[in-house]
Amino acid sequence: MGNPNLIVYVREACHLCQEMVALLQQYQQKVAFNLEIVDIDDDPKLAQQYNELIPVLIGSNNEQTKICHYRFDIAALDAYFNKIR
């Protein structure tokens, strides 16, 4: 089946975004998943959709499921992985 795919929507010079990406990269040492980092300012539609919510972590397998936003939520991510496996 392959590794699950996650997308984290970020913005440049966002300390919460940098923190979430770093924590996700640490988490990848425990659980295998693909991580795509997308700057919302590169896409006006994404900027409008997620402007005040970033960083936003989305599970992108089949349907796009919002896992958490603002801060990394390990319990929410664990629950997401348990649900999709």
C-alpha atoms as a PDB file:
ATOM      1  CA  MET A   1       0.000   0.000   0.000  1.00  0.00           C
ATOM      2  CA  GLY A   2       2.869   2.403   0.607  1.00  0.00           C
ATOM      3  CA  ASN A   3       3.427   5.091   3.164  1.00  0.00           C
ATOM      4  CA  PRO A   4       0.644   7.524   4.084  1.00  0.00           C
ATOM      5  CA  ASN A   5       0.904  11.006   2.588  1.00  0.00           C
ATOM      6  CA  LEU A   6       0.714  14.153   4.710  1.00  0.00           C
ATOM      7  CA  ILE A   7       0.736  17.768   3.609  1.00  0.00           C
ATOM      8  CA  VAL A   8       1.675  20.625   5.893  1.00  0.00           C
ATOM      9  CA  TYR A   9       0.587  24.052   4.706  1.00  0.00           C
ATOM     10  CA  VAL A  10       3.023  26.732   5.838  1.00  0.00           C
ATOM     11  CA  ARG A  11       4.147  30.262   5.179  1.00  0.00           C
ATOM     12  CA  GLU A  12       7.657  31.682   5.095  1.00  0.00           C
ATOM     13  CA  ALA A  13       8.878  33.332   8.327  1.00  0.00           C
ATOM     14  CA  CYS A  14       6.266  31.528  10.438  1.00  0.00           C
ATOM     15  CA  HIS A  15       7.812  30.169  13.636  1.00  0.00           C
ATOM     16  CA  LEU A  16       4.859  27.861  14.338  1.00  0.00           C
ATOM     17  CA  CYS A  17       5.249  26.445  10.822  1.00  0.00           C
ATOM     18  CA  GLN A  18       8.957  25.812  11.311  1.00  0.00           C
ATOM     19  CA  GLU A  19       8.239  24.157  14.647  1.00  0.00           C
ATOM     20  CA  MET A  20       5.563  21.859  13.196  1.00  0.00           C
ATOM     21  CA  VAL A  21       7.785  20.804  10.286  1.00  0.00           C
ATOM     22  CA  ALA A  22      10.657  20.004  12.675  1.00  0.00           C
ATOM     23  CA  LEU A  23       8.372  17.937  14.927  1.00  0.00           C
ATOM     24  CA  LEU A  24       6.920  16.090  11.940  1.00  0.00           C
ATOM     25  CA  GLN A  25      10.411  15.259  10.721  1.00  0.00           C
ATOM     26  CA  GLN A  26      11.247  13.869  14.172  1.00  0.00           C
ATOM     27  CA  TYR A  27       8.005  11.868  14.154  1.00  0.00           C
ATOM     28  CA  GLN A  28       9.021  10.351  10.790  1.00  0.00           C
ATOM     29  CA  GLN A  29      11.786   8.495  12.646  1.00  0.00           C
ATOM     30  CA  LYS A  30       9.025   6.612  14.507  1.00  0.00           C
ATOM     31  CA  VAL A  31       6.353   6.292  11.784  1.00  0.00           C
ATOM     32  CA  ALA A  32       7.004   6.114   8.038  1.00  0.00           C
ATOM     33  CA  PHE A  33       5.042   8.662   5.992  1.00  0.00           C
ATOM     34  CA  ASN A  34       5.598  10.996   3.071  1.00  0.00           C
ATOM     35  CA  LEU A  35       5.592  14.685   3.974  1.00  0.00           C
ATOM     36  CA  GLU A  36       4.898  17.440   1.478  1.00  0.00           C
ATOM     37  CA  ILE A  37       5.555  21.013   2.627  1.00  0.00           C
ATOM     38  CA  VAL A  38       3.478  23.598   0.738  1.00  0.00           C
ATOM     39  CA  ASP A  39       3.863  27.371   1.074  1.00  0.00           C
ATOM     40  CA  ILE A  40       0.332  28.774   0.875  1.00  0.00           C
ATOM     41  CA  ASP A  41       1.600  32.096  -0.466  1.00  0.00           C
ATOM     42  CA  ASP A  42       2.512  30.332  -3.728  1.00  0.00           C
ATOM     43  CA  ASP A  43      -1.189  29.668  -4.386  1.00  0.00           C
ATOM     44  CA  PRO A  44      -3.813  32.424  -3.893  1.00  0.00           C
ATOM     45  CA  LYS A  45      -6.549  29.814  -3.360  1.00  0.00           C
ATOM     46  CA  LEU A  46      -4.596  28.123  -0.556  1.00  0.00           C
ATOM     47  CA  ALA A  47      -3.690  31.501   0.951  1.00  0.00           C
ATOM     48  CA  GLN A  48      -7.361  32.407   1.112  1.00  0.00           C
ATOM     49  CA  GLN A  49      -8.388  29.015   2.493  1.00  0.00           C
ATOM     50  CA  TYR A  50      -5.710  28.650   5.191  1.00  0.00           C
ATOM     51  CA  ASN A  51      -4.556  32.232   5.816  1.00  0.00           C
ATOM     52  CA  GLU A  52      -5.223  32.373   9.565  1.00  0.00           C
ATOM     53  CA  LEU A  53      -4.941  28.636  10.292  1.00  0.00           C
ATOM     54  CA  ILE A  54      -1.340  27.894   9.378  1.00  0.00           C
ATOM     55  CA  PRO A  55       0.392  25.676   9.919  1.00  0.00           C
ATOM     56  CA  VAL A  56      -2.217  23.106   8.905  1.00  0.00           C
ATOM     57  CA  LEU A  57      -1.503  19.382   8.754  1.00  0.00           C
ATOM     58  CA  ILE A  58      -3.600  17.443   6.250  1.00  0.00           C
ATOM     59  CA  GLY A  59      -3.770  13.724   5.614  1.00  0.00           C
ATOM     60  CA  SER A  60      -3.952  13.387   1.848  1.00  0.00           C
ATOM     61  CA  ASN A  61      -4.745   9.696   1.392  1.00  0.00           C
ATOM     62  CA  ASN A  62      -8.105   9.309  -0.378  1.00  0.00           C
ATOM     63  CA  GLU A  63      -9.884  12.251   1.242  1.00  0.00           C
ATOM     64  CA  GLN A  64      -8.149  15.295   2.644  1.00  0.00           C
ATOM     65  CA  THR A  65      -8.511  15.142   6.421  1.00  0.00           C
ATOM     66  CA  LYS A  66      -7.423  18.068   8.594  1.00  0.00           C
ATOM     67  CA  ILE A  67      -5.377  16.556  11.407  1.00  0.00           C
ATOM     68  CA  CYS A  68      -4.369  19.679  13.310  1.00  0.00           C
ATOM     69  CA  HIS A  69      -3.483  23.342  12.914  1.00  0.00           C
ATOM     70  CA  TYR A  70      -1.417  25.990  14.771  1.00  0.00           C
ATOM     71  CA  ARG A  71       0.476  23.429  16.864  1.00  0.00           C
ATOM     72  CA  PHE A  72       1.639  19.863  16.289  1.00  0.00           C
ATOM     73  CA  ASP A  73      -0.860  17.523  17.971  1.00  0.00           C
ATOM     74  CA  ILE A  74       0.736  14.108  18.367  1.00  0.00           C
ATOM     75  CA  ALA A  75      -2.479  12.559  19.740  1.00  0.00           C
ATOM     76  CA  ALA A  76      -4.434  13.724  16.681  1.00  0.00           C
ATOM     77  CA  LEU A  77      -1.736  12.388  14.345  1.00  0.00           C
ATOM     78  CA  ASP A  78      -1.621   9.035  16.160  1.00  0.00           C
ATOM     79  CA  ALA A  79      -5.438   8.833  15.897  1.00  0.00           C
ATOM     80  CA  TYR A  80      -5.267   9.619  12.169  1.00  0.00           C
ATOM     81  CA  PHE A  81      -2.709   6.874  11.545  1.00  0.00           C
ATOM     82  CA  ASN A  82      -4.752   4.373  13.593  1.00  0.00           C
ATOM     83  CA  LYS A  83      -7.839   5.250  11.537  1.00  0.00           C
ATOM     84  CA  ILE A  84      -6.233   4.805   8.118  1.00  0.00           C
ATOM     85  CA  ARG A  85      -4.360   1.562   8.850  1.00  0.00           C
END
